[in-house]
Amino acid sequence: MAATDATLRAFFQSSRYAVVGASSNTQKFGHKVFAWYLNHDLPVTPVNPASPSIDVAKQSYPAIKSLSALDNPKETGVSIITPPPVTLKTLEEAKSLGISSIWLQPGTFDDDVLKFAHDSFKVVLAGDGGWGSEGWCILVDGERGLRSAGKL
């Protein structure tokens, strides 16, 4: 099932967000996506099993090791910026926690990941669509979604 603008709006109905693959490395998309949420004043938690904190603009944010450490997973929309094998394991964990909204950034999925995501979650942004040349990307489509959800 292809994502639509209605899917985009539904993702931003979440009351909080998490970024799996968040990074302090400014060259990585995990950093850029996490910073995007911060720059839009959204409640976001960085997820990185290898780092106790993520630094953005000279400020440090405590990271959690996995989605299981989220306070309210069922209210959390999750952006994922990891290689497909890691993404699949993350999706399995998200499903077990009752998370319903997932955004798979370009490069994070293969056919198996997409099938699992579409079979397991109510809201999935991934693959073809959006306004960018590589498909749905929060850096390109996020503000349109926030506007549509009345959060911008």
N, C-alpha and C. Protein backbone atom coordinates (compact mmCIF):
# COMPACT_ATOMS: atom_id res chain seq x y z
N MET A 1 0.84 -1.18 0.00
CA MET A 1 0.00 0.00 0.00
C MET A 1 0.89 1.25 0.00
N ALA A 2 0.67 2.10 -0.97
CA ALA A 2 1.49 3.31 -1.09
C ALA A 2 1.04 4.37 -0.07
N ALA A 3 2.00 5.08 0.45
CA ALA A 3 1.71 6.17 1.37
C ALA A 3 1.12 7.34 0.59
N THR A 4 0.29 8.12 1.25
CA THR A 4 -0.38 9.27 0.65
C THR A 4 -0.23 10.47 1.58
N ASP A 5 -0.76 11.61 1.18
CA ASP A 5 -0.76 12.76 2.07
C ASP A 5 -1.58 12.48 3.33
N ALA A 6 -2.60 11.63 3.23
CA ALA A 6 -3.37 11.25 4.43
C ALA A 6 -2.50 10.45 5.39
N THR A 7 -1.62 9.61 4.85
CA THR A 7 -0.68 8.86 5.68
C THR A 7 0.28 9.81 6.38
N LEU A 8 0.75 10.80 5.63
CA LEU A 8 1.66 11.81 6.18
C LEU A 8 0.99 12.55 7.34
N ARG A 9 -0.24 12.97 7.16
CA ARG A 9 -0.99 13.66 8.22
C ARG A 9 -1.17 12.74 9.42
N ALA A 10 -1.50 11.48 9.17
CA ALA A 10 -1.71 10.51 10.27
C ALA A 10 -0.44 10.32 11.09
N PHE A 11 0.72 10.28 10.45
CA PHE A 11 1.98 10.12 11.19
C PHE A 11 2.15 11.24 12.21
N PHE A 12 1.80 12.45 11.82
CA PHE A 12 2.00 13.59 12.71
C PHE A 12 0.88 13.78 13.73
N GLN A 13 -0.03 12.82 13.82
CA GLN A 13 -1.02 12.81 14.89
C GLN A 13 -0.42 12.26 16.18
N SER A 14 0.74 11.65 16.09
CA SER A 14 1.42 11.12 17.28
C SER A 14 1.72 12.27 18.24
N SER A 15 1.72 11.96 19.54
CA SER A 15 1.99 13.00 20.53
C SER A 15 3.48 13.11 20.85
N ARG A 16 4.25 12.12 20.44
CA ARG A 16 5.70 12.14 20.65
C ARG A 16 6.36 11.33 19.54
N TYR A 17 7.69 11.43 19.46
CA TYR A 17 8.43 10.82 18.36
C TYR A 17 9.74 10.22 18.86
N ALA A 18 10.26 9.28 18.10
CA ALA A 18 11.58 8.71 18.37
C ALA A 18 12.32 8.59 17.04
N VAL A 19 13.64 8.74 17.10
CA VAL A 19 14.48 8.60 15.92
C VAL A 19 15.47 7.47 16.19
N VAL A 20 15.25 6.35 15.51
CA VAL A 20 16.15 5.20 15.64
C VAL A 20 17.29 5.40 14.64
N GLY A 21 18.50 5.39 15.16
CA GLY A 21 19.67 5.67 14.33
C GLY A 21 20.14 7.11 14.49
N ALA A 22 19.61 7.80 15.51
CA ALA A 22 20.05 9.17 15.79
C ALA A 22 21.56 9.18 16.01
N SER A 23 22.21 10.25 15.57
CA SER A 23 23.66 10.32 15.62
C SER A 23 24.13 11.73 15.94
N SER A 24 25.28 11.82 16.58
CA SER A 24 25.92 13.12 16.81
C SER A 24 26.73 13.57 15.60
N ASN A 25 26.98 12.68 14.67
CA ASN A 25 27.76 12.99 13.48
C ASN A 25 26.91 13.83 12.52
N THR A 26 27.28 15.07 12.34
CA THR A 26 26.48 16.00 11.55
C THR A 26 26.37 15.60 10.08
N GLN A 27 27.23 14.70 9.61
CA GLN A 27 27.18 14.26 8.22
C GLN A 27 26.15 13.16 7.99
N LYS A 28 25.67 12.55 9.07
CA LYS A 28 24.75 11.41 8.95
C LYS A 28 23.29 11.87 8.96
N PHE A 29 22.46 11.13 8.24
CA PHE A 29 21.05 11.46 8.21
C PHE A 29 20.38 11.23 9.56
N GLY A 30 20.93 10.34 10.37
CA GLY A 30 20.40 10.16 11.72
C GLY A 30 20.52 11.43 12.55
N HIS A 31 21.54 12.21 12.29
CA HIS A 31 21.70 13.51 12.95
C HIS A 31 20.72 14.53 12.36
N LYS A 32 20.66 14.58 11.04
CA LYS A 32 19.82 15.56 10.36
C LYS A 32 18.34 15.36 10.70
N VAL A 33 17.90 14.11 10.75
CA VAL A 33 16.50 13.84 11.06
C VAL A 33 16.20 14.18 12.52
N PHE A 34 17.07 13.78 13.44
CA PHE A 34 16.86 14.12 14.85
C PHE A 34 16.83 15.64 15.04
N ALA A 35 17.76 16.33 14.40
CA ALA A 35 17.80 17.80 14.50
C ALA A 35 16.54 18.42 13.90
N TRP A 36 15.99 17.81 12.85
CA TRP A 36 14.75 18.32 12.24
C TRP A 36 13.63 18.34 13.28
N TYR A 37 13.47 17.24 14.00
CA TYR A 37 12.44 17.19 15.05
C TYR A 37 12.68 18.28 16.10
N LEU A 38 13.92 18.41 16.55
CA LEU A 38 14.24 19.43 17.56
C LEU A 38 13.95 20.83 17.02
N ASN A 39 14.33 21.10 15.79
CA ASN A 39 14.12 22.42 15.20
C ASN A 39 12.64 22.76 15.03
N HIS A 40 11.80 21.74 15.05
CA HIS A 40 10.35 21.96 14.93
C HIS A 40 9.66 21.83 16.30
N ASP A 41 10.45 21.86 17.36
CA ASP A 41 9.94 21.82 18.74
C ASP A 41 9.01 20.64 19.01
N LEU A 42 9.35 19.49 18.44
CA LEU A 42 8.56 18.29 18.67
C LEU A 42 9.21 17.44 19.76
N PRO A 43 8.42 16.80 20.60
CA PRO A 43 8.99 15.95 21.65
C PRO A 43 9.57 14.68 21.01
N VAL A 44 10.89 14.58 21.04
CA VAL A 44 11.58 13.49 20.34
C VAL A 44 12.64 12.86 21.23
N THR A 45 12.75 11.55 21.09
CA THR A 45 13.74 10.78 21.84
C THR A 45 14.71 10.13 20.85
N PRO A 46 16.01 10.34 21.03
CA PRO A 46 16.97 9.66 20.17
C PRO A 46 17.17 8.21 20.64
N VAL A 47 17.27 7.31 19.66
CA VAL A 47 17.51 5.89 19.97
C VAL A 47 18.81 5.49 19.30
N ASN A 48 19.79 5.08 20.13
CA ASN A 48 21.08 4.65 19.62
C ASN A 48 21.71 3.75 20.68
N PRO A 49 21.83 2.45 20.39
CA PRO A 49 22.36 1.52 21.39
C PRO A 49 23.83 1.74 21.73
N ALA A 50 24.54 2.47 20.88
CA ALA A 50 25.98 2.65 21.09
C ALA A 50 26.35 3.98 21.73
N SER A 51 25.37 4.85 21.97
CA SER A 51 25.69 6.17 22.49
C SER A 51 24.73 6.56 23.62
N PRO A 52 25.27 7.02 24.75
CA PRO A 52 24.41 7.43 25.86
C PRO A 52 23.71 8.77 25.61
N SER A 53 24.21 9.54 24.64
CA SER A 53 23.59 10.84 24.33
C SER A 53 23.89 11.20 22.88
N ILE A 54 23.07 12.12 22.37
CA ILE A 54 23.24 12.63 21.01
C ILE A 54 23.40 14.14 21.12
N ASP A 55 24.42 14.67 20.47
CA ASP A 55 24.69 16.10 20.50
C ASP A 55 24.18 16.77 19.23
N VAL A 56 23.43 17.84 19.43
CA VAL A 56 22.94 18.67 18.32
C VAL A 56 23.10 20.12 18.73
N ALA A 57 23.77 20.89 17.89
CA ALA A 57 23.97 22.32 18.14
C ALA A 57 24.52 22.59 19.55
N LYS A 58 25.54 21.85 19.89
CA LYS A 58 26.25 22.01 21.17
C LYS A 58 25.40 21.70 22.39
N GLN A 59 24.28 20.99 22.19
CA GLN A 59 23.47 20.55 23.32
C GLN A 59 23.39 19.03 23.26
N SER A 60 23.40 18.41 24.43
CA SER A 60 23.40 16.96 24.53
C SER A 60 22.01 16.47 24.95
N TYR A 61 21.52 15.43 24.27
CA TYR A 61 20.21 14.85 24.56
C TYR A 61 20.40 13.39 24.94
N PRO A 62 19.86 12.96 26.09
CA PRO A 62 20.01 11.57 26.51
C PRO A 62 19.36 10.63 25.49
N ALA A 63 20.10 9.60 25.12
CA ALA A 63 19.59 8.60 24.18
C ALA A 63 19.16 7.34 24.93
N ILE A 64 18.23 6.62 24.32
CA ILE A 64 17.85 5.31 24.85
C ILE A 64 18.42 4.25 23.91
N LYS A 65 18.60 3.04 24.44
CA LYS A 65 19.23 1.98 23.66
C LYS A 65 18.28 1.28 22.70
N SER A 66 16.98 1.28 23.02
CA SER A 66 16.00 0.62 22.16
C SER A 66 14.62 1.22 22.38
N LEU A 67 13.71 0.92 21.49
CA LEU A 67 12.34 1.41 21.61
C LEU A 67 11.67 0.93 22.89
N SER A 68 12.11 -0.21 23.42
CA SER A 68 11.53 -0.75 24.66
C SER A 68 11.68 0.21 25.83
N ALA A 69 12.62 1.14 25.76
CA ALA A 69 12.84 2.09 26.84
C ALA A 69 11.95 3.34 26.73
N LEU A 70 11.13 3.43 25.69
CA LEU A 70 10.23 4.57 25.57
C LEU A 70 9.19 4.58 26.68
N ASP A 71 8.83 5.78 27.16
CA ASP A 71 7.81 5.90 28.20
C ASP A 71 6.42 5.53 27.69
N ASN A 72 6.07 5.98 26.49
CA ASN A 72 4.74 5.75 25.94
C ASN A 72 4.84 5.30 24.48
N PRO A 73 5.28 4.07 24.25
CA PRO A 73 5.50 3.64 22.86
C PRO A 73 4.25 3.71 21.98
N LYS A 74 3.08 3.43 22.53
CA LYS A 74 1.86 3.44 21.71
C LYS A 74 1.48 4.84 21.23
N GLU A 75 2.04 5.87 21.85
CA GLU A 75 1.77 7.26 21.45
C GLU A 75 2.91 7.84 20.61
N THR A 76 3.88 7.00 20.24
CA THR A 76 5.11 7.47 19.61
C THR A 76 5.16 7.11 18.12
N GLY A 77 5.38 8.12 17.29
CA GLY A 77 5.69 7.89 15.89
C GLY A 77 7.20 7.71 15.77
N VAL A 78 7.62 6.71 15.00
CA VAL A 78 9.04 6.36 14.96
C VAL A 78 9.62 6.58 13.56
N SER A 79 10.68 7.37 13.48
CA SER A 79 11.47 7.53 12.26
C SER A 79 12.69 6.62 12.37
N ILE A 80 12.96 5.90 11.29
CA ILE A 80 14.06 4.94 11.31
C ILE A 80 15.07 5.29 10.24
N ILE A 81 16.34 5.34 10.67
CA ILE A 81 17.45 5.62 9.79
C ILE A 81 18.55 4.60 10.09
N THR A 82 18.32 3.34 9.66
CA THR A 82 19.26 2.25 9.89
C THR A 82 19.30 1.38 8.63
N PRO A 83 20.33 0.54 8.47
CA PRO A 83 20.37 -0.38 7.33
C PRO A 83 19.22 -1.39 7.42
N PRO A 84 18.76 -1.92 6.28
CA PRO A 84 17.60 -2.82 6.28
C PRO A 84 17.61 -3.96 7.31
N PRO A 85 18.72 -4.68 7.53
CA PRO A 85 18.65 -5.75 8.54
C PRO A 85 18.37 -5.22 9.96
N VAL A 86 18.92 -4.07 10.29
CA VAL A 86 18.66 -3.44 11.59
C VAL A 86 17.23 -2.91 11.63
N THR A 87 16.79 -2.35 10.52
CA THR A 87 15.43 -1.83 10.43
C THR A 87 14.40 -2.93 10.71
N LEU A 88 14.60 -4.10 10.13
CA LEU A 88 13.65 -5.20 10.34
C LEU A 88 13.57 -5.58 11.82
N LYS A 89 14.71 -5.69 12.48
CA LYS A 89 14.70 -5.99 13.93
C LYS A 89 14.01 -4.89 14.71
N THR A 90 14.22 -3.64 14.31
CA THR A 90 13.58 -2.51 14.98
C THR A 90 12.07 -2.57 14.79
N LEU A 91 11.63 -2.91 13.59
CA LEU A 91 10.20 -3.03 13.32
C LEU A 91 9.57 -4.16 14.13
N GLU A 92 10.28 -5.25 14.29
CA GLU A 92 9.76 -6.36 15.11
C GLU A 92 9.55 -5.89 16.55
N GLU A 93 10.52 -5.14 17.07
CA GLU A 93 10.39 -4.60 18.42
C GLU A 93 9.23 -3.61 18.49
N ALA A 94 9.14 -2.72 17.52
CA ALA A 94 8.06 -1.72 17.50
C ALA A 94 6.70 -2.39 17.48
N LYS A 95 6.55 -3.42 16.69
CA LYS A 95 5.28 -4.14 16.63
C LYS A 95 4.93 -4.73 17.99
N SER A 96 5.90 -5.32 18.65
CA SER A 96 5.65 -5.95 19.96
C SER A 96 5.25 -4.92 21.02
N LEU A 97 5.63 -3.65 20.82
CA LEU A 97 5.32 -2.59 21.77
C LEU A 97 4.01 -1.87 21.45
N GLY A 98 3.39 -2.21 20.34
CA GLY A 98 2.13 -1.57 19.97
C GLY A 98 2.29 -0.23 19.28
N ILE A 99 3.48 0.06 18.78
CA ILE A 99 3.70 1.29 18.01
C ILE A 99 2.92 1.14 16.70
N SER A 100 2.27 2.23 16.27
CA SER A 100 1.45 2.10 15.06
C SER A 100 1.92 2.96 13.89
N SER A 101 2.80 3.93 14.12
CA SER A 101 3.23 4.85 13.06
C SER A 101 4.74 4.78 12.85
N ILE A 102 5.13 4.50 11.60
CA ILE A 102 6.53 4.29 11.25
C ILE A 102 6.88 5.12 10.02
N TRP A 103 8.05 5.76 10.05
CA TRP A 103 8.58 6.46 8.88
C TRP A 103 9.93 5.84 8.56
N LEU A 104 10.02 5.17 7.41
CA LEU A 104 11.28 4.56 6.97
C LEU A 104 11.94 5.50 5.97
N GLN A 105 13.02 6.12 6.41
CA GLN A 105 13.74 7.04 5.55
C GLN A 105 14.34 6.29 4.35
N PRO A 106 14.59 6.98 3.23
CA PRO A 106 15.21 6.32 2.08
C PRO A 106 16.50 5.59 2.49
N GLY A 107 16.67 4.39 1.94
CA GLY A 107 17.85 3.58 2.22
C GLY A 107 17.73 2.66 3.42
N THR A 108 16.61 2.72 4.12
CA THR A 108 16.46 1.92 5.35
C THR A 108 15.71 0.62 5.13
N PHE A 109 15.26 0.37 3.91
CA PHE A 109 14.39 -0.78 3.69
C PHE A 109 14.73 -1.52 2.40
N ASP A 110 14.31 -2.76 2.37
CA ASP A 110 14.31 -3.57 1.16
C ASP A 110 12.89 -4.14 1.05
N ASP A 111 12.65 -5.04 0.12
CA ASP A 111 11.30 -5.58 -0.08
C ASP A 111 10.75 -6.28 1.16
N ASP A 112 11.61 -7.04 1.84
CA ASP A 112 11.16 -7.76 3.05
C ASP A 112 10.76 -6.80 4.15
N VAL A 113 11.54 -5.74 4.33
CA VAL A 113 11.23 -4.73 5.35
C VAL A 113 9.91 -4.03 5.02
N LEU A 114 9.73 -3.66 3.76
CA LEU A 114 8.49 -2.99 3.37
C LEU A 114 7.28 -3.89 3.60
N LYS A 115 7.39 -5.16 3.23
CA LYS A 115 6.27 -6.08 3.43
C LYS A 115 5.93 -6.20 4.91
N PHE A 116 6.95 -6.40 5.75
CA PHE A 116 6.71 -6.50 7.19
C PHE A 116 6.06 -5.22 7.72
N ALA A 117 6.57 -4.07 7.29
CA ALA A 117 6.03 -2.80 7.77
C ALA A 117 4.56 -2.66 7.39
N HIS A 118 4.24 -2.90 6.14
CA HIS A 118 2.86 -2.72 5.69
C HIS A 118 1.91 -3.76 6.30
N ASP A 119 2.43 -4.94 6.62
CA ASP A 119 1.61 -5.96 7.26
C ASP A 119 1.42 -5.72 8.76
N SER A 120 2.27 -4.89 9.36
CA SER A 120 2.32 -4.78 10.82
C SER A 120 1.88 -3.45 11.42
N PHE A 121 1.86 -2.38 10.63
CA PHE A 121 1.62 -1.05 11.19
C PHE A 121 0.48 -0.34 10.47
N LYS A 122 -0.23 0.47 11.22
CA LYS A 122 -1.36 1.23 10.69
C LYS A 122 -0.88 2.34 9.75
N VAL A 123 0.19 3.04 10.13
CA VAL A 123 0.72 4.16 9.36
C VAL A 123 2.16 3.86 8.97
N VAL A 124 2.43 3.82 7.67
CA VAL A 124 3.78 3.55 7.17
C VAL A 124 4.10 4.55 6.07
N LEU A 125 5.14 5.34 6.28
CA LEU A 125 5.67 6.23 5.25
C LEU A 125 6.99 5.63 4.80
N ALA A 126 7.03 5.22 3.53
CA ALA A 126 8.24 4.59 2.99
C ALA A 126 8.07 4.43 1.48
N GLY A 127 9.19 4.38 0.80
CA GLY A 127 9.15 4.07 -0.62
C GLY A 127 8.70 5.24 -1.48
N ASP A 128 8.14 4.90 -2.63
CA ASP A 128 7.73 5.90 -3.61
C ASP A 128 6.71 6.86 -3.03
N GLY A 129 6.84 8.12 -3.42
CA GLY A 129 5.90 9.15 -2.98
C GLY A 129 6.65 10.33 -2.40
N GLY A 130 5.90 11.23 -1.84
CA GLY A 130 6.50 12.43 -1.29
C GLY A 130 7.00 13.34 -2.39
N TRP A 131 7.64 14.42 -2.00
CA TRP A 131 8.09 15.42 -2.96
C TRP A 131 9.56 15.29 -3.33
N GLY A 132 10.28 14.39 -2.65
CA GLY A 132 11.71 14.23 -2.95
C GLY A 132 11.93 13.19 -4.03
N SER A 133 13.11 13.19 -4.60
CA SER A 133 13.43 12.26 -5.68
C SER A 133 13.67 10.83 -5.20
N GLU A 134 13.89 10.65 -3.89
CA GLU A 134 14.18 9.31 -3.36
C GLU A 134 13.01 8.74 -2.57
N GLY A 135 11.85 9.35 -2.64
CA GLY A 135 10.69 8.87 -1.90
C GLY A 135 10.47 9.68 -0.64
N TRP A 136 9.61 9.15 0.23
CA TRP A 136 9.22 9.87 1.46
C TRP A 136 10.44 10.14 2.33
N CYS A 137 10.65 11.40 2.63
CA CYS A 137 11.77 11.82 3.48
C CYS A 137 11.28 12.94 4.39
N ILE A 138 11.49 12.79 5.68
CA ILE A 138 11.00 13.81 6.62
C ILE A 138 11.64 15.16 6.37
N LEU A 139 12.87 15.18 5.88
CA LEU A 139 13.55 16.44 5.62
C LEU A 139 12.90 17.20 4.47
N VAL A 140 12.22 16.48 3.57
CA VAL A 140 11.55 17.09 2.42
C VAL A 140 10.05 17.26 2.68
N ASP A 141 9.43 16.23 3.25
CA ASP A 141 7.97 16.18 3.37
C ASP A 141 7.44 16.51 4.77
N GLY A 142 8.33 16.61 5.74
CA GLY A 142 7.90 16.78 7.12
C GLY A 142 7.08 18.03 7.40
N GLU A 143 7.52 19.17 6.90
CA GLU A 143 6.78 20.40 7.19
C GLU A 143 5.39 20.37 6.58
N ARG A 144 5.25 19.78 5.41
CA ARG A 144 3.94 19.64 4.80
C ARG A 144 3.04 18.79 5.69
N GLY A 145 3.61 17.74 6.28
CA GLY A 145 2.85 16.89 7.18
C GLY A 145 2.46 17.61 8.46
N LEU A 146 3.38 18.37 9.02
CA LEU A 146 3.07 19.15 10.23
C LEU A 146 1.95 20.15 9.97
N ARG A 147 2.03 20.80 8.82
CA ARG A 147 0.99 21.78 8.45
C ARG A 147 -0.36 21.07 8.33
N SER A 148 -0.35 19.95 7.66
CA SER A 148 -1.58 19.18 7.44
C SER A 148 -2.20 18.70 8.76
N ALA A 149 -1.34 18.40 9.74
CA ALA A 149 -1.79 17.91 11.04
C ALA A 149 -2.09 19.07 12.01
N GLY A 150 -1.92 20.31 11.55
CA GLY A 150 -2.19 21.47 12.40
C GLY A 150 -1.13 21.73 13.45
N LYS A 151 0.09 21.25 13.21
CA LYS A 151 1.18 21.43 14.16
C LYS A 151 2.21 22.46 13.70
N LEU A 152 1.90 23.15 12.62
CA LEU A 152 2.85 24.16 12.11
C LEU A 152 2.08 25.38 11.65
